[in-house]
Amino acid sequence: MSAIENSKVTIVGAGAVGSSAAYAALIRGSARHVALYDVATEKVEAEVLDLQHGTQFTGSSDIIGGGDVSVAEGSHVVVITAGAKQKPGQTRIELAGVNAGILRTMMPQLLEVAPDAIYVIVTNPCDVLTVLAQEATALPPERIFASGTVLDTSRLRVRLAQRAGVSPSSVHAYIVGEHGDTEFPLWSSATIGTVPILDWQSAGHPPMTVDELDQIAVEVRDAAYKVIQGKGATNYAIGLSSARIIEAILRDEHAVMPVSTVLSDFHGVDRVALSVPSIVSSRGAVPVRESAFSPSELGLLRRSADALGAVAASLR
């Protein structure tokens, strides 16, 4: 594995998510150079200035930014967080249509200044937007993918770790499918250490039941709603998970992460972007075709594919 030298990441969108991703990338040293781009010039310049003032405390990374797309020039990774927020009474399909229009306008401009970059879409609905952006740009599927269920998987592992009395890093479980209402956990392959999830027990932590796991899955699926209700947006955790994806690319880690790529005959799923375990490296993201699904999990994967395929079709 060889890291990209003098690496550069551009984060598009200086809202709560984009600014948090830039902040996380600076603190973690995800890239040597960080750029923040937004058409709202005054806002992005203020965010960049605020972040620059703290770079004495963050290591060797630096940050630039502005309202001209040229700030993205030469980027190895471009993370797209820009888009409209869902308005009261607005359906998810309506929001998808608005954000698809923004992305279609933006992608040619970004490709002109960063033609060789890996593109990571965080803007929601990220799975649908990834399909539309890949079709519009004709980029290879491995070079344009969504952050998908990387954050959802972190939520799951944290919750299971709390219940089991272990570190989240010792929990091996994935959320897959849509980043949204039809997502689901791969319980059939979930373990704590090497112990199957339903067999785990330790002092003060009795075995979990199937019903309990089902409830945890619901909590994870709906976690964003709880955060949004309390503070208006989710930003810190998605910022951190975006930084982690950036690192896997720029450091050529070949890390297995549940990102969302446009799938081709993956367990019978075609031309739909869904999160499945994928190898993330300097090439981009490549699904792990050997990923095992139980029969019921395959049914859930196809249900998720059908739901997202219908939304994408309505926007073409």
Protein backbone atom coordinates (compact mmCIF):
# COMPACT_ATOMS: atom_id res chain seq x y z
CA MET A 1 0.00 0.00 0.00
CA SER A 2 1.32 3.46 -0.88
CA ALA A 3 -0.19 6.70 0.35
CA ILE A 4 -0.74 9.57 -2.08
CA GLU A 5 1.95 12.17 -1.44
CA ASN A 6 1.05 15.85 -1.06
CA SER A 7 -2.57 14.76 -1.00
CA LYS A 8 -5.47 17.15 -1.49
CA VAL A 9 -9.15 16.80 -0.65
CA THR A 10 -11.84 19.29 -1.58
CA ILE A 11 -15.09 19.38 0.35
CA VAL A 12 -17.96 20.91 -1.58
CA GLY A 13 -20.50 22.67 0.61
CA ALA A 14 -19.72 24.81 3.65
CA GLY A 15 -22.85 24.01 5.61
CA ALA A 16 -22.94 22.06 8.86
CA VAL A 17 -21.85 18.77 7.27
CA GLY A 18 -19.18 20.17 4.95
CA SER A 19 -17.61 22.36 7.60
CA SER A 20 -17.61 19.46 10.07
CA ALA A 21 -15.95 17.23 7.48
CA ALA A 22 -13.26 19.86 6.86
CA TYR A 23 -12.75 20.25 10.61
CA ALA A 24 -12.46 16.49 11.08
CA ALA A 25 -10.05 16.14 8.15
CA LEU A 26 -7.82 18.86 9.60
CA ILE A 27 -7.77 17.42 13.10
CA ARG A 28 -7.17 13.85 11.89
CA GLY A 29 -4.60 14.87 9.27
CA SER A 30 -6.66 13.10 6.62
CA ALA A 31 -4.96 15.02 3.78
CA ARG A 32 -2.01 17.37 3.46
CA HIS A 33 -4.19 20.00 1.83
CA VAL A 34 -7.87 20.62 2.54
CA ALA A 35 -10.04 22.89 0.40
CA LEU A 36 -13.60 24.04 1.10
CA TYR A 37 -15.77 25.21 -1.80
CA ASP A 38 -19.22 26.77 -1.75
CA VAL A 39 -21.04 29.21 -4.01
CA ALA A 40 -21.96 31.18 -0.86
CA THR A 41 -18.66 33.06 -0.88
CA GLU A 42 -19.00 35.01 2.36
CA LYS A 43 -20.01 31.91 4.30
CA VAL A 44 -17.21 29.69 2.96
CA GLU A 45 -14.56 32.36 3.44
CA ALA A 46 -15.64 32.78 7.06
CA GLU A 47 -15.52 29.03 7.68
CA VAL A 48 -12.06 28.75 6.11
CA LEU A 49 -10.74 31.70 8.12
CA ASP A 50 -12.06 30.16 11.34
CA LEU A 51 -10.44 26.81 10.50
CA GLN A 52 -7.15 28.45 9.46
CA HIS A 53 -6.94 30.16 12.84
CA GLY A 54 -6.76 26.74 14.48
CA THR A 55 -4.18 25.08 12.23
CA GLN A 56 -1.38 25.76 14.73
CA PHE A 57 -2.99 23.00 16.78
CA THR A 58 -3.78 20.44 14.08
CA GLY A 59 -0.48 19.25 12.63
CA SER A 60 0.80 19.78 9.10
CA SER A 61 -2.47 20.04 7.16
CA ASP A 62 -3.50 23.39 5.70
CA ILE A 63 -6.82 24.71 4.43
CA ILE A 64 -7.91 27.06 1.67
CA GLY A 65 -11.31 27.79 0.19
CA GLY A 66 -13.65 30.15 -1.54
CA GLY A 67 -16.56 30.58 -3.90
CA ASP A 68 -14.70 29.72 -7.11
CA VAL A 69 -14.52 26.09 -8.23
CA SER A 70 -10.82 26.56 -9.00
CA VAL A 71 -10.06 25.89 -5.31
CA ALA A 72 -10.70 22.20 -6.12
CA GLU A 73 -7.99 22.09 -8.79
CA GLY A 74 -5.72 19.07 -8.51
CA SER A 75 -7.79 17.32 -5.85
CA HIS A 76 -7.26 13.61 -5.33
CA VAL A 77 -10.61 13.30 -3.53
CA VAL A 78 -13.73 15.47 -3.80
CA VAL A 79 -16.40 15.07 -1.12
CA ILE A 80 -19.79 16.52 -2.06
CA THR A 81 -21.98 17.69 0.81
CA ALA A 82 -23.73 20.57 -0.99
CA GLY A 83 -27.48 20.43 -1.48
CA ALA A 84 -30.84 21.63 -0.31
CA LYS A 85 -32.26 20.64 3.06
CA GLN A 86 -35.59 18.90 3.29
CA LYS A 87 -38.36 21.45 3.86
CA PRO A 88 -41.48 20.84 5.95
CA GLY A 89 -44.00 18.94 3.82
CA GLN A 90 -41.44 18.19 1.11
CA THR A 91 -41.22 14.53 0.10
CA ARG A 92 -37.90 12.70 -0.20
CA ILE A 93 -38.47 12.35 -3.95
CA GLU A 94 -38.98 16.10 -4.28
CA LEU A 95 -35.78 16.70 -2.32
CA ALA A 96 -33.99 14.19 -4.52
CA GLY A 97 -35.11 16.09 -7.61
CA VAL A 98 -33.78 19.40 -6.28
CA ASN A 99 -30.43 17.94 -5.25
CA ALA A 100 -30.10 15.96 -8.48
CA GLY A 101 -30.39 19.23 -10.38
CA ILE A 102 -27.70 20.83 -8.22
CA LEU A 103 -25.39 17.85 -8.75
CA ARG A 104 -25.91 17.77 -12.52
CA THR A 105 -24.87 21.42 -12.72
CA MET A 106 -21.92 21.01 -10.39
CA MET A 107 -20.28 17.79 -11.60
CA PRO A 108 -19.03 19.04 -15.02
CA GLN A 109 -17.43 22.05 -13.31
CA LEU A 110 -15.69 19.85 -10.74
CA LEU A 111 -14.51 17.35 -13.33
CA GLU A 112 -12.92 20.16 -15.34
CA VAL A 113 -10.63 21.14 -12.44
CA ALA A 114 -10.27 17.72 -10.80
CA PRO A 115 -10.55 15.19 -13.66
CA ASP A 116 -8.68 12.39 -11.88
CA ALA A 117 -10.31 12.65 -8.45
CA ILE A 118 -12.30 10.06 -6.57
CA TYR A 119 -15.75 11.53 -5.89
CA VAL A 120 -17.59 10.77 -2.64
CA ILE A 121 -21.22 11.88 -2.41
CA VAL A 122 -22.56 12.67 1.05
CA THR A 123 -25.53 14.82 0.00
CA ASN A 124 -28.83 13.01 0.56
CA PRO A 125 -30.42 10.94 -0.78
CA CYS A 126 -26.84 9.84 -1.43
CA ASP A 127 -27.61 6.47 -3.04
CA VAL A 128 -29.95 7.90 -5.68
CA LEU A 129 -27.65 10.85 -6.36
CA THR A 130 -24.72 8.49 -6.89
CA VAL A 131 -26.60 6.61 -9.62
CA LEU A 132 -27.61 9.81 -11.39
CA ALA A 133 -24.13 11.35 -11.08
CA GLN A 134 -22.40 8.22 -12.34
CA GLU A 135 -24.73 8.04 -15.34
CA ALA A 136 -24.29 11.76 -16.09
CA THR A 137 -20.49 11.71 -15.87
CA ALA A 138 -19.78 8.18 -17.18
CA LEU A 139 -17.12 7.87 -14.49
CA PRO A 140 -16.20 4.28 -13.60
CA PRO A 141 -18.39 3.17 -10.66
CA GLU A 142 -15.37 2.77 -8.40
CA ARG A 143 -14.52 6.47 -8.80
CA ILE A 144 -17.88 7.92 -7.77
CA PHE A 145 -19.64 6.49 -4.75
CA ALA A 146 -21.58 7.55 -1.69
CA SER A 147 -20.62 7.56 1.97
CA GLY A 148 -23.57 5.20 2.27
CA THR A 149 -23.94 3.35 5.57
CA VAL A 150 -20.47 3.98 6.99
CA LEU A 151 -22.05 6.24 9.62
CA ASP A 152 -25.01 3.90 10.17
CA THR A 153 -22.55 1.06 10.73
CA SER A 154 -20.69 3.14 13.30
CA ARG A 155 -23.99 3.84 15.08
CA LEU A 156 -24.72 0.11 15.12
CA ARG A 157 -21.30 -0.84 16.48
CA VAL A 158 -21.43 1.82 19.19
CA ARG A 159 -24.88 0.67 20.33
CA LEU A 160 -23.90 -3.01 20.32
CA ALA A 161 -20.68 -2.22 22.18
CA GLN A 162 -22.64 -0.42 24.90
CA ARG A 163 -24.94 -3.41 25.29
CA ALA A 164 -22.17 -6.01 25.22
CA GLY A 165 -19.72 -4.15 27.45
CA VAL A 166 -16.89 -4.03 24.89
CA SER A 167 -15.06 -1.49 22.74
CA PRO A 168 -16.79 -0.52 19.47
CA SER A 169 -13.64 -1.63 17.65
CA SER A 170 -14.33 -5.20 18.86
CA VAL A 171 -17.77 -5.28 17.22
CA HIS A 172 -17.82 -6.59 13.65
CA ALA A 173 -21.22 -5.82 12.15
CA TYR A 174 -22.49 -3.90 9.14
CA ILE A 175 -25.53 -1.92 8.14
CA VAL A 176 -26.11 -2.35 4.38
CA GLY A 177 -28.59 -1.35 1.69
CA GLU A 178 -30.07 2.11 1.43
CA HIS A 179 -28.76 4.91 3.63
CA GLY A 180 -32.27 5.40 4.91
CA ASP A 181 -35.53 3.68 5.69
CA THR A 182 -34.83 0.30 4.04
CA GLU A 183 -31.33 -0.21 5.47
CA PHE A 184 -30.73 -3.34 7.54
CA PRO A 185 -27.99 -5.09 9.56
CA LEU A 186 -26.15 -8.19 8.36
CA TRP A 187 -26.90 -10.12 11.54
CA SER A 188 -25.94 -13.45 9.94
CA SER A 189 -22.25 -12.47 9.92
CA ALA A 190 -22.16 -10.15 12.96
CA THR A 191 -19.68 -11.01 15.70
CA ILE A 192 -18.12 -9.57 18.82
CA GLY A 193 -14.52 -10.59 18.56
CA THR A 194 -14.93 -14.03 17.01
CA VAL A 195 -18.18 -14.82 18.87
CA PRO A 196 -21.48 -14.76 16.91
CA ILE A 197 -23.62 -11.87 18.09
CA LEU A 198 -26.34 -14.01 19.72
CA ASP A 199 -23.78 -16.12 21.59
CA TRP A 200 -21.94 -13.24 23.25
CA GLN A 201 -22.16 -12.87 27.01
CA SER A 202 -19.90 -11.53 29.74
CA ALA A 203 -20.17 -10.53 33.40
CA GLY A 204 -23.18 -8.20 33.70
CA HIS A 205 -24.02 -8.59 30.03
CA PRO A 206 -26.36 -11.52 29.33
CA PRO A 207 -26.91 -12.80 25.76
CA MET A 208 -28.94 -10.62 23.42
CA THR A 209 -32.21 -11.84 21.95
CA VAL A 210 -33.46 -11.61 18.38
CA ASP A 211 -36.13 -9.14 19.49
CA GLU A 212 -33.49 -6.98 21.17
CA LEU A 213 -31.36 -6.94 18.03
CA ASP A 214 -34.40 -5.96 15.98
CA GLN A 215 -35.02 -3.03 18.35
CA ILE A 216 -31.38 -1.95 18.12
CA ALA A 217 -31.67 -1.99 14.31
CA VAL A 218 -34.68 0.32 14.52
CA GLU A 219 -32.81 2.67 16.89
CA VAL A 220 -29.91 2.84 14.45
CA ARG A 221 -32.16 3.41 11.44
CA ASP A 222 -33.97 6.26 13.19
CA ALA A 223 -30.97 7.76 15.01
CA ALA A 224 -30.65 10.70 12.63
CA TYR A 225 -34.26 11.75 13.27
CA LYS A 226 -33.55 11.96 17.01
CA VAL A 227 -30.44 14.09 16.46
CA ILE A 228 -32.21 16.37 13.98
CA GLN A 229 -35.15 16.82 16.34
CA GLY A 230 -32.83 17.98 19.10
CA LYS A 231 -30.29 20.12 17.22
CA GLY A 232 -31.56 20.58 13.67
CA ALA A 233 -28.93 18.57 11.79
CA THR A 234 -26.45 15.72 12.03
CA ASN A 235 -22.93 16.95 11.39
CA TYR A 236 -20.15 15.74 13.71
CA ALA A 237 -20.43 11.99 13.13
CA ILE A 238 -20.94 12.31 9.37
CA GLY A 239 -17.97 14.70 9.29
CA LEU A 240 -15.80 12.13 11.06
CA SER A 241 -16.98 9.25 8.89
CA SER A 242 -16.30 11.33 5.76
CA ALA A 243 -12.76 11.98 7.01
CA ARG A 244 -12.30 8.25 7.58
CA ILE A 245 -13.33 7.49 3.97
CA ILE A 246 -10.93 10.18 2.72
CA GLU A 247 -8.09 8.53 4.64
CA ALA A 248 -8.84 5.07 3.26
CA ILE A 249 -8.54 6.49 -0.27
CA LEU A 250 -5.52 8.75 0.15
CA ARG A 251 -3.57 6.18 2.19
CA ASP A 252 -4.47 3.37 -0.22
CA GLU A 253 -5.63 1.32 2.74
CA HIS A 254 -7.75 -1.31 1.01
CA ALA A 255 -10.08 -0.93 3.99
CA VAL A 256 -13.41 -2.76 3.94
CA MET A 257 -16.20 -0.20 4.41
CA PRO A 258 -19.93 -0.22 3.59
CA VAL A 259 -19.92 2.54 0.98
CA SER A 260 -22.51 2.83 -1.77
CA THR A 261 -21.42 2.14 -5.35
CA VAL A 262 -23.48 1.54 -8.48
CA LEU A 263 -23.74 -2.25 -8.41
CA SER A 264 -23.41 -4.61 -11.35
CA ASP A 265 -24.93 -8.07 -10.88
CA PHE A 266 -24.24 -8.06 -7.16
CA HIS A 267 -26.41 -10.90 -5.88
CA GLY A 268 -28.76 -10.06 -8.73
CA VAL A 269 -28.80 -6.27 -8.15
CA ASP A 270 -27.96 -4.04 -11.14
CA ARG A 271 -27.70 -0.29 -11.84
CA VAL A 272 -28.64 0.68 -8.29
CA ALA A 273 -26.29 2.21 -5.73
CA LEU A 274 -26.47 0.40 -2.41
CA SER A 275 -24.07 0.06 0.49
CA VAL A 276 -22.33 -3.29 0.69
CA PRO A 277 -18.92 -4.19 2.13
CA SER A 278 -16.41 -2.70 -0.32
CA ILE A 279 -12.64 -2.35 -0.58
CA VAL A 280 -11.74 1.35 -0.40
CA SER A 281 -8.32 2.34 -1.73
CA SER A 282 -6.64 4.85 -4.05
CA ARG A 283 -8.62 3.19 -6.89
CA GLY A 284 -11.90 4.12 -5.22
CA ALA A 285 -14.41 1.55 -3.97
CA VAL A 286 -14.94 -2.00 -5.21
CA PRO A 287 -17.72 -4.21 -3.75
CA VAL A 288 -16.66 -7.44 -2.07
CA ARG A 289 -18.60 -9.94 -4.18
CA GLU A 290 -17.99 -12.76 -1.74
CA SER A 291 -20.00 -10.98 0.98
CA ALA A 292 -22.42 -13.51 2.47
CA PHE A 293 -26.14 -12.82 2.86
CA SER A 294 -28.73 -15.11 4.39
CA PRO A 295 -31.85 -15.74 2.27
CA SER A 296 -33.85 -13.22 4.31
CA GLU A 297 -31.05 -10.64 4.01
CA LEU A 298 -30.99 -11.10 0.24
CA GLY A 299 -34.70 -10.36 0.24
CA LEU A 300 -34.08 -7.16 2.20
CA LEU A 301 -31.26 -6.15 -0.16
CA ARG A 302 -33.55 -6.54 -3.17
CA ARG A 303 -36.33 -4.64 -1.42
CA SER A 304 -33.90 -1.80 -0.82
CA ALA A 305 -32.78 -1.95 -4.45
CA ASP A 306 -36.37 -1.82 -5.72
CA ALA A 307 -37.18 1.21 -3.54
CA LEU A 308 -34.13 3.18 -4.70
CA GLY A 309 -34.49 2.08 -8.31
CA ALA A 310 -38.00 3.50 -8.39
CA VAL A 311 -36.83 6.88 -7.07
CA ALA A 312 -33.94 7.06 -9.55
CA ALA A 313 -36.26 6.13 -12.44
CA SER A 314 -38.64 8.94 -11.51
CA LEU A 315 -35.80 11.47 -11.76
CA ARG A 316 -34.22 10.41 -15.07
